[in-house]
Amino acid sequence: MEPKLSALIVDDEENARILLSKLLEETFLFNDIRLSHSVDAAYNELSRFVPDIVFLDIKMPEKDGFTFIQDLPEEFKLQKIVFVTAYDQYAIRAIKNQAFDYLLKPVNRKELNLCLSRFIEKKEGTDIKKPLKVVEAHERIARIRVSTRTGTLFINPADILYCKAEGNYTSVYTGKKHHLCSLNLGKVEELLPKNGFIRVGRSYIINYEYITMLDRKESTLLLVKDSESVTVKIPRQHLKDLDIM
């Protein structure tokens, strides 16, 4: 039987808190996930709640993540802390503070699941004797079926980087290849899993897992899957759809 965990997410950005919470819910490992918007709010939460693991943003106004761990009670183990931040220059300091793990924003689902597997493996008192295989959302979802000009195409949603509207049709990009299907973008959206994909305006659906960089000045997204990278030009007026970044 899989263990049920509790978690506290500490981040001043509401969208970041909500997104990480959804990613944790997808694993089906948690029965209690609480959110705090600041260090002080997190301390208040800890006065009545002892989570198994804390996902802690580093760069926050007033008090940052390092201040949070410095003022923790001695009985609270630092090995429960996973730093989550958009700034990779904090990695060395995070390691020196003996945090359990370190994740970069935007959080990659696979990296998060590996983190959770390691955490459960090392968790004291667990019955798990080997790394837990976290079931990812795309593993629970059947391939989608779309019609093309030449026949029928079956696609694993996890292979899709993004989809682009082409009038009443949709181009589905899976790396350097793309397939033109006879469904409009709205119909394709209905076939895709609810979690993990972002609708951007009327023209795009983006797989959040592969977003590596958002360049607001150039209005572009860099998507990286394995060794392949794709740059997508986003209409400037729809950048607000990516505020979770």
C-alpha atoms as a PDB file:
ATOM      1  CA  MET A   1       0.000   0.000   0.000  1.00  0.00           C
ATOM      2  CA  GLU A   2       1.394   3.404  -0.983  1.00  0.00           C
ATOM      3  CA  PRO A   3       2.133   5.769   1.909  1.00  0.00           C
ATOM      4  CA  LYS A   4       0.035   8.885   2.245  1.00  0.00           C
ATOM      5  CA  LEU A   5       2.031  12.030   2.857  1.00  0.00           C
ATOM      6  CA  SER A   6       1.381  15.580   3.973  1.00  0.00           C
ATOM      7  CA  ALA A   7       3.033  18.616   2.446  1.00  0.00           C
ATOM      8  CA  LEU A   8       3.417  22.335   3.025  1.00  0.00           C
ATOM      9  CA  ILE A   9       4.072  24.614   0.031  1.00  0.00           C
ATOM     10  CA  VAL A  10       5.606  27.987   0.882  1.00  0.00           C
ATOM     11  CA  ASP A  11       5.662  30.450  -2.021  1.00  0.00           C
ATOM     12  CA  ASP A  12       4.635  34.091  -2.353  1.00  0.00           C
ATOM     13  CA  GLU A  13       3.290  33.513  -5.884  1.00  0.00           C
ATOM     14  CA  GLU A  14      -0.264  32.190  -5.823  1.00  0.00           C
ATOM     15  CA  ASN A  15      -0.117  30.570  -9.260  1.00  0.00           C
ATOM     16  CA  ALA A  16       3.117  28.766  -8.362  1.00  0.00           C
ATOM     17  CA  ARG A  17       1.529  27.412  -5.169  1.00  0.00           C
ATOM     18  CA  ILE A  18      -1.549  26.190  -7.021  1.00  0.00           C
ATOM     19  CA  LEU A  19       0.412  24.588  -9.853  1.00  0.00           C
ATOM     20  CA  LEU A  20       2.740  22.666  -7.531  1.00  0.00           C
ATOM     21  CA  SER A  21      -0.231  21.567  -5.468  1.00  0.00           C
ATOM     22  CA  LYS A  22      -1.874  20.149  -8.600  1.00  0.00           C
ATOM     23  CA  LEU A  23       1.312  18.298  -9.550  1.00  0.00           C
ATOM     24  CA  LEU A  24       1.439  16.739  -6.083  1.00  0.00           C
ATOM     25  CA  GLU A  25      -2.235  15.766  -6.282  1.00  0.00           C
ATOM     26  CA  GLU A  26      -1.565  13.969  -9.570  1.00  0.00           C
ATOM     27  CA  THR A  27       0.775  11.536  -7.795  1.00  0.00           C
ATOM     28  CA  PHE A  28      -1.997  10.302  -5.463  1.00  0.00           C
ATOM     29  CA  LEU A  29       0.601  10.186  -2.666  1.00  0.00           C
ATOM     30  CA  PHE A  30      -0.761  13.052  -0.569  1.00  0.00           C
ATOM     31  CA  ASN A  31      -3.794  13.275   1.676  1.00  0.00           C
ATOM     32  CA  ASP A  32      -3.010  16.741   3.058  1.00  0.00           C
ATOM     33  CA  ILE A  33      -1.457  19.617   1.080  1.00  0.00           C
ATOM     34  CA  ARG A  34      -1.396  23.070   2.672  1.00  0.00           C
ATOM     35  CA  LEU A  35      -0.327  26.365   1.159  1.00  0.00           C
ATOM     36  CA  SER A  36       1.401  29.377   2.725  1.00  0.00           C
ATOM     37  CA  HIS A  37       2.101  32.679   1.009  1.00  0.00           C
ATOM     38  CA  SER A  38       4.933  33.807   3.306  1.00  0.00           C
ATOM     39  CA  VAL A  39       7.455  32.641   5.884  1.00  0.00           C
ATOM     40  CA  ASP A  40       5.346  33.976   8.777  1.00  0.00           C
ATOM     41  CA  ALA A  41       2.246  32.234   7.433  1.00  0.00           C
ATOM     42  CA  ALA A  42       4.259  29.008   7.183  1.00  0.00           C
ATOM     43  CA  TYR A  43       5.368  29.310  10.824  1.00  0.00           C
ATOM     44  CA  ASN A  44       1.722  29.708  11.839  1.00  0.00           C
ATOM     45  CA  GLU A  45       0.836  26.607   9.843  1.00  0.00           C
ATOM     46  CA  LEU A  46       3.627  24.612  11.486  1.00  0.00           C
ATOM     47  CA  SER A  47       2.295  25.487  14.940  1.00  0.00           C
ATOM     48  CA  ARG A  48      -0.692  23.193  14.269  1.00  0.00           C
ATOM     49  CA  PHE A  49       0.535  20.954  11.473  1.00  0.00           C
ATOM     50  CA  VAL A  50       3.695  18.850  11.019  1.00  0.00           C
ATOM     51  CA  PRO A  51       4.116  18.038   7.327  1.00  0.00           C
ATOM     52  CA  ASP A  52       6.201  15.171   6.010  1.00  0.00           C
ATOM     53  CA  ILE A  53       7.780  17.440   3.417  1.00  0.00           C
ATOM     54  CA  VAL A  54       8.049  21.198   2.786  1.00  0.00           C
ATOM     55  CA  PHE A  55       8.386  22.714  -0.684  1.00  0.00           C
ATOM     56  CA  LEU A  56      10.035  26.058  -0.041  1.00  0.00           C
ATOM     57  CA  ASP A  57      10.508  28.980  -2.400  1.00  0.00           C
ATOM     58  CA  ILE A  58      13.772  30.837  -1.770  1.00  0.00           C
ATOM     59  CA  LYS A  59      13.280  34.353  -3.118  1.00  0.00           C
ATOM     60  CA  MET A  60      10.337  35.909  -1.278  1.00  0.00           C
ATOM     61  CA  PRO A  61       9.724  39.468  -0.033  1.00  0.00           C
ATOM     62  CA  GLU A  62      10.595  40.368   3.568  1.00  0.00           C
ATOM     63  CA  LYS A  63      11.764  36.908   4.706  1.00  0.00           C
ATOM     64  CA  ASP A  64      13.284  34.442   2.267  1.00  0.00           C
ATOM     65  CA  GLY A  65      13.521  30.668   2.323  1.00  0.00           C
ATOM     66  CA  PHE A  66      16.888  30.613   4.066  1.00  0.00           C
ATOM     67  CA  THR A  67      15.487  32.741   6.885  1.00  0.00           C
ATOM     68  CA  PHE A  68      12.690  30.195   7.212  1.00  0.00           C
ATOM     69  CA  ILE A  69      15.036  27.244   7.776  1.00  0.00           C
ATOM     70  CA  GLN A  70      17.333  29.218  10.113  1.00  0.00           C
ATOM     71  CA  ASP A  71      14.462  29.876  12.510  1.00  0.00           C
ATOM     72  CA  LEU A  72      12.969  26.388  12.404  1.00  0.00           C
ATOM     73  CA  PRO A  73      12.703  24.506  15.723  1.00  0.00           C
ATOM     74  CA  GLU A  74      15.548  22.041  16.278  1.00  0.00           C
ATOM     75  CA  GLU A  75      13.211  19.074  16.158  1.00  0.00           C
ATOM     76  CA  PHE A  76      12.195  19.953  12.607  1.00  0.00           C
ATOM     77  CA  LYS A  77      14.553  18.080  10.297  1.00  0.00           C
ATOM     78  CA  LEU A  78      16.061  19.954   7.349  1.00  0.00           C
ATOM     79  CA  GLN A  79      15.857  16.729   5.382  1.00  0.00           C
ATOM     80  CA  LYS A  80      12.173  17.544   4.958  1.00  0.00           C
ATOM     81  CA  ILE A  81      12.946  20.657   2.918  1.00  0.00           C
ATOM     82  CA  VAL A  82      12.836  20.798  -0.884  1.00  0.00           C
ATOM     83  CA  PHE A  83      13.828  24.179  -2.290  1.00  0.00           C
ATOM     84  CA  VAL A  84      11.794  25.332  -5.281  1.00  0.00           C
ATOM     85  CA  THR A  85      12.995  28.432  -7.089  1.00  0.00           C
ATOM     86  CA  ALA A  86      13.511  30.045 -10.479  1.00  0.00           C
ATOM     87  CA  TYR A  87      17.077  31.059  -9.583  1.00  0.00           C
ATOM     88  CA  ASP A  88      19.671  28.310 -10.049  1.00  0.00           C
ATOM     89  CA  GLN A  89      22.423  30.415  -8.456  1.00  0.00           C
ATOM     90  CA  TYR A  90      21.002  29.364  -5.091  1.00  0.00           C
ATOM     91  CA  ALA A  91      21.810  25.687  -5.691  1.00  0.00           C
ATOM     92  CA  ILE A  92      25.138  25.611  -3.844  1.00  0.00           C
ATOM     93  CA  ARG A  93      23.755  27.438  -0.829  1.00  0.00           C
ATOM     94  CA  ALA A  94      20.761  25.093  -0.763  1.00  0.00           C
ATOM     95  CA  ILE A  95      23.080  22.099  -0.715  1.00  0.00           C
ATOM     96  CA  LYS A  96      25.160  23.639   2.075  1.00  0.00           C
ATOM     97  CA  ASN A  97      21.974  24.069   4.074  1.00  0.00           C
ATOM     98  CA  GLN A  98      21.485  20.290   3.755  1.00  0.00           C
ATOM     99  CA  ALA A  99      18.102  20.527   2.096  1.00  0.00           C
ATOM    100  CA  PHE A 100      16.739  17.209   0.891  1.00  0.00           C
ATOM    101  CA  ASP A 101      16.440  18.329  -2.720  1.00  0.00           C
ATOM    102  CA  TYR A 102      16.371  21.307  -5.063  1.00  0.00           C
ATOM    103  CA  LEU A 103      13.913  21.898  -7.919  1.00  0.00           C
ATOM    104  CA  LEU A 104      13.958  24.656 -10.507  1.00  0.00           C
ATOM    105  CA  LYS A 105      10.862  26.486 -11.687  1.00  0.00           C
ATOM    106  CA  PRO A 106       8.942  25.751 -13.760  1.00  0.00           C
ATOM    107  CA  VAL A 107       8.826  22.452 -11.894  1.00  0.00           C
ATOM    108  CA  ASN A 108       9.341  19.490 -14.189  1.00  0.00           C
ATOM    109  CA  ARG A 109       6.900  16.684 -13.439  1.00  0.00           C
ATOM    110  CA  LYS A 110       9.518  13.956 -13.936  1.00  0.00           C
ATOM    111  CA  GLU A 111      12.047  15.677 -11.678  1.00  0.00           C
ATOM    112  CA  LEU A 112       9.397  16.169  -9.017  1.00  0.00           C
ATOM    113  CA  ASN A 113       8.429  12.501  -9.148  1.00  0.00           C
ATOM    114  CA  LEU A 114      12.063  11.423  -8.848  1.00  0.00           C
ATOM    115  CA  CYS A 115      12.386  13.690  -5.828  1.00  0.00           C
ATOM    116  CA  LEU A 116       9.329  12.096  -4.224  1.00  0.00           C
ATOM    117  CA  SER A 117      10.599   8.595  -4.961  1.00  0.00           C
ATOM    118  CA  ARG A 118      13.892   9.346  -3.214  1.00  0.00           C
ATOM    119  CA  PHE A 119      12.088  10.981  -0.324  1.00  0.00           C
ATOM    120  CA  ILE A 120       9.817   8.005   0.302  1.00  0.00           C
ATOM    121  CA  GLU A 121      12.723   5.599  -0.010  1.00  0.00           C
ATOM    122  CA  LYS A 122      14.594   7.408   2.759  1.00  0.00           C
ATOM    123  CA  LYS A 123      11.610   8.260   4.913  1.00  0.00           C
ATOM    124  CA  GLU A 124      11.985   6.779   8.381  1.00  0.00           C
ATOM    125  CA  GLY A 125       9.526   4.057   9.255  1.00  0.00           C
ATOM    126  CA  THR A 126       8.391   3.440   5.697  1.00  0.00           C
ATOM    127  CA  ASP A 127       7.643  -0.070   4.474  1.00  0.00           C
ATOM    128  CA  ILE A 128       9.061   0.819   1.080  1.00  0.00           C
ATOM    129  CA  LYS A 129      12.243  -1.188   0.397  1.00  0.00           C
ATOM    130  CA  LYS A 130      12.926   0.170  -3.072  1.00  0.00           C
ATOM    131  CA  PRO A 131      12.335   3.485  -4.867  1.00  0.00           C
ATOM    132  CA  LEU A 132       8.644   4.114  -5.350  1.00  0.00           C
ATOM    133  CA  LYS A 133       7.480   4.389  -8.945  1.00  0.00           C
ATOM    134  CA  VAL A 134       5.260   7.443  -9.034  1.00  0.00           C
ATOM    135  CA  VAL A 135       2.573   7.035 -11.663  1.00  0.00           C
ATOM    136  CA  GLU A 136       2.622  10.061 -13.909  1.00  0.00           C
ATOM    137  CA  ALA A 137      -0.575  11.550 -15.263  1.00  0.00           C
ATOM    138  CA  HIS A 138       0.231  10.678 -18.876  1.00  0.00           C
ATOM    139  CA  GLU A 139       0.791   6.996 -17.921  1.00  0.00           C
ATOM    140  CA  ARG A 140      -2.800   6.782 -16.707  1.00  0.00           C
ATOM    141  CA  ILE A 141      -4.233   8.277 -19.907  1.00  0.00           C
ATOM    142  CA  ALA A 142      -4.712   6.377 -23.152  1.00  0.00           C
ATOM    143  CA  ARG A 143      -3.269   7.676 -26.366  1.00  0.00           C
ATOM    144  CA  ILE A 144      -5.450  10.183 -28.138  1.00  0.00           C
ATOM    145  CA  ARG A 145      -6.823   9.356 -31.580  1.00  0.00           C
ATOM    146  CA  VAL A 146      -6.910  12.002 -34.311  1.00  0.00           C
ATOM    147  CA  SER A 147      -7.692  11.882 -38.011  1.00  0.00           C
ATOM    148  CA  THR A 148      -5.223  13.199 -40.588  1.00  0.00           C
ATOM    149  CA  ARG A 149      -5.369  13.583 -44.350  1.00  0.00           C
ATOM    150  CA  THR A 150      -3.773  10.162 -44.775  1.00  0.00           C
ATOM    151  CA  GLY A 151      -5.416   8.161 -41.998  1.00  0.00           C
ATOM    152  CA  THR A 152      -5.637   7.898 -38.214  1.00  0.00           C
ATOM    153  CA  LEU A 153      -2.901   8.888 -35.778  1.00  0.00           C
ATOM    154  CA  PHE A 154      -2.528   7.657 -32.195  1.00  0.00           C
ATOM    155  CA  ILE A 155      -0.463   9.978 -29.979  1.00  0.00           C
ATOM    156  CA  ASN A 156       0.667   9.715 -26.385  1.00  0.00           C
ATOM    157  CA  PRO A 157      -0.086  13.145 -24.821  1.00  0.00           C
ATOM    158  CA  ALA A 158       3.326  13.035 -23.105  1.00  0.00           C
ATOM    159  CA  ASP A 159       4.978  13.198 -26.549  1.00  0.00           C
ATOM    160  CA  ILE A 160       3.263  16.460 -27.504  1.00  0.00           C
ATOM    161  CA  LEU A 161       5.264  19.677 -27.113  1.00  0.00           C
ATOM    162  CA  TYR A 162       2.520  21.968 -28.351  1.00  0.00           C
ATOM    163  CA  CYS A 163      -0.466  22.263 -30.661  1.00  0.00           C
ATOM    164  CA  LYS A 164      -1.141  25.153 -33.024  1.00  0.00           C
ATOM    165  CA  ALA A 165      -4.425  26.162 -34.626  1.00  0.00           C
ATOM    166  CA  GLU A 166      -4.436  26.100 -38.434  1.00  0.00           C
ATOM    167  CA  GLY A 167      -7.896  27.404 -39.257  1.00  0.00           C
ATOM    168  CA  ASN A 168     -10.283  24.478 -38.755  1.00  0.00           C
ATOM    169  CA  TYR A 169      -7.304  22.143 -38.412  1.00  0.00           C
ATOM    170  CA  THR A 170      -4.589  21.691 -35.785  1.00  0.00           C
ATOM    171  CA  SER A 171      -0.882  21.010 -36.130  1.00  0.00           C
ATOM    172  CA  VAL A 172       0.345  18.713 -33.377  1.00  0.00           C
ATOM    173  CA  TYR A 173       4.092  19.058 -32.728  1.00  0.00           C
ATOM    174  CA  THR A 174       6.030  16.141 -31.246  1.00  0.00           C
ATOM    175  CA  GLY A 175       9.572  17.459 -31.411  1.00  0.00           C
ATOM    176  CA  LYS A 176      10.778  18.280 -34.899  1.00  0.00           C
ATOM    177  CA  LYS A 177       7.855  16.388 -36.442  1.00  0.00           C
ATOM    178  CA  HIS A 178       4.346  17.751 -36.718  1.00  0.00           C
ATOM    179  CA  HIS A 179       1.054  16.242 -37.800  1.00  0.00           C
ATOM    180  CA  LEU A 180      -1.905  18.113 -39.272  1.00  0.00           C
ATOM    181  CA  CYS A 181      -5.121  16.698 -37.850  1.00  0.00           C
ATOM    182  CA  SER A 182      -8.664  17.407 -38.993  1.00  0.00           C
ATOM    183  CA  LEU A 183      -9.879  18.695 -35.621  1.00  0.00           C
ATOM    184  CA  ASN A 184      -9.918  22.318 -34.540  1.00  0.00           C
ATOM    185  CA  LEU A 185      -7.858  23.359 -31.515  1.00  0.00           C
ATOM    186  CA  GLY A 186     -10.862  23.302 -29.179  1.00  0.00           C
ATOM    187  CA  LYS A 187     -11.615  19.666 -30.030  1.00  0.00           C
ATOM    188  CA  VAL A 188      -7.975  18.697 -29.541  1.00  0.00           C
ATOM    189  CA  GLU A 189      -8.017  20.416 -26.151  1.00  0.00           C
ATOM    190  CA  GLU A 190     -10.958  18.233 -25.110  1.00  0.00           C
ATOM    191  CA  LEU A 191      -8.932  15.101 -25.902  1.00  0.00           C
ATOM    192  CA  LEU A 192      -5.876  16.148 -23.884  1.00  0.00           C
ATOM    193  CA  PRO A 193      -5.527  15.561 -20.108  1.00  0.00           C
ATOM    194  CA  LYS A 194      -6.747  18.432 -17.953  1.00  0.00           C
ATOM    195  CA  ASN A 195      -3.466  18.753 -16.079  1.00  0.00           C
ATOM    196  CA  GLY A 196      -0.177  19.591 -17.742  1.00  0.00           C
ATOM    197  CA  PHE A 197      -1.392  21.532 -20.784  1.00  0.00           C
ATOM    198  CA  ILE A 198      -1.886  25.303 -20.995  1.00  0.00           C
ATOM    199  CA  ARG A 199      -4.231  26.997 -23.471  1.00  0.00           C
ATOM    200  CA  VAL A 200      -2.600  30.174 -24.763  1.00  0.00           C
ATOM    201  CA  GLY A 201      -5.059  32.414 -26.572  1.00  0.00           C
ATOM    202  CA  ARG A 202      -6.916  30.932 -29.541  1.00  0.00           C
ATOM    203  CA  SER A 203      -3.852  29.587 -31.299  1.00  0.00           C
ATOM    204  CA  TYR A 204      -1.802  27.407 -28.957  1.00  0.00           C
ATOM    205  CA  ILE A 205      -1.897  24.604 -26.411  1.00  0.00           C
ATOM    206  CA  ILE A 206       1.450  24.164 -24.644  1.00  0.00           C
ATOM    207  CA  ASN A 207       2.735  21.135 -22.744  1.00  0.00           C
ATOM    208  CA  TYR A 208       3.906  22.718 -19.487  1.00  0.00           C
ATOM    209  CA  GLU A 209       6.442  19.968 -18.793  1.00  0.00           C
ATOM    210  CA  TYR A 210       8.689  21.032 -21.667  1.00  0.00           C
ATOM    211  CA  ILE A 211       8.719  24.781 -21.029  1.00  0.00           C
ATOM    212  CA  THR A 212      12.339  25.691 -20.317  1.00  0.00           C
ATOM    213  CA  MET A 213      12.364  29.460 -20.778  1.00  0.00           C
ATOM    214  CA  LEU A 214       9.883  32.281 -21.297  1.00  0.00           C
ATOM    215  CA  ASP A 215      11.375  35.350 -22.972  1.00  0.00           C
ATOM    216  CA  ARG A 216       8.878  38.139 -22.322  1.00  0.00           C
ATOM    217  CA  LYS A 217      10.907  40.685 -24.283  1.00  0.00           C
ATOM    218  CA  GLU A 218      10.924  38.580 -27.445  1.00  0.00           C
ATOM    219  CA  SER A 219       7.539  37.015 -26.638  1.00  0.00           C
ATOM    220  CA  THR A 220       8.854  33.481 -27.152  1.00  0.00           C
ATOM    221  CA  LEU A 221       8.767  30.144 -25.348  1.00  0.00           C
ATOM    222  CA  LEU A 222      11.627  27.655 -25.484  1.00  0.00           C
ATOM    223  CA  LEU A 223      10.414  24.059 -25.303  1.00  0.00           C
ATOM    224  CA  VAL A 224      12.964  21.278 -24.785  1.00  0.00           C
ATOM    225  CA  LYS A 225      12.211  17.553 -25.056  1.00  0.00           C
ATOM    226  CA  ASP A 226      15.150  15.169 -24.756  1.00  0.00           C
ATOM    227  CA  SER A 227      17.748  16.621 -27.147  1.00  0.00           C
ATOM    228  CA  GLU A 228      15.271  18.543 -29.279  1.00  0.00           C
ATOM    229  CA  SER A 229      14.345  22.195 -28.759  1.00  0.00           C
ATOM    230  CA  VAL A 230      11.637  24.321 -30.327  1.00  0.00           C
ATOM    231  CA  THR A 231      11.010  28.057 -30.037  1.00  0.00           C
ATOM    232  CA  VAL A 232       7.384  29.167 -30.169  1.00  0.00           C
ATOM    233  CA  LYS A 233       6.381  32.772 -30.853  1.00  0.00           C
ATOM    234  CA  ILE A 234       3.509  33.787 -28.569  1.00  0.00           C
ATOM    235  CA  PRO A 235       1.310  36.813 -29.352  1.00  0.00           C
ATOM    236  CA  ARG A 236       2.280  39.445 -26.799  1.00  0.00           C
ATOM    237  CA  GLN A 237      -1.316  40.008 -25.700  1.00  0.00           C
ATOM    238  CA  HIS A 238      -1.523  36.360 -24.594  1.00  0.00           C
ATOM    239  CA  LEU A 239       1.580  36.317 -22.394  1.00  0.00           C
ATOM    240  CA  LYS A 240      -0.779  36.803 -19.443  1.00  0.00           C
ATOM    241  CA  ASP A 241      -1.964  33.226 -20.025  1.00  0.00           C
ATOM    242  CA  LEU A 242       1.515  32.163 -18.906  1.00  0.00           C
ATOM    243  CA  ASP A 243       1.424  34.033 -15.585  1.00  0.00           C
ATOM    244  CA  ILE A 244       1.971  30.684 -13.794  1.00  0.00           C
ATOM    245  CA  MET A 245       5.570  31.059 -14.924  1.00  0.00           C
END
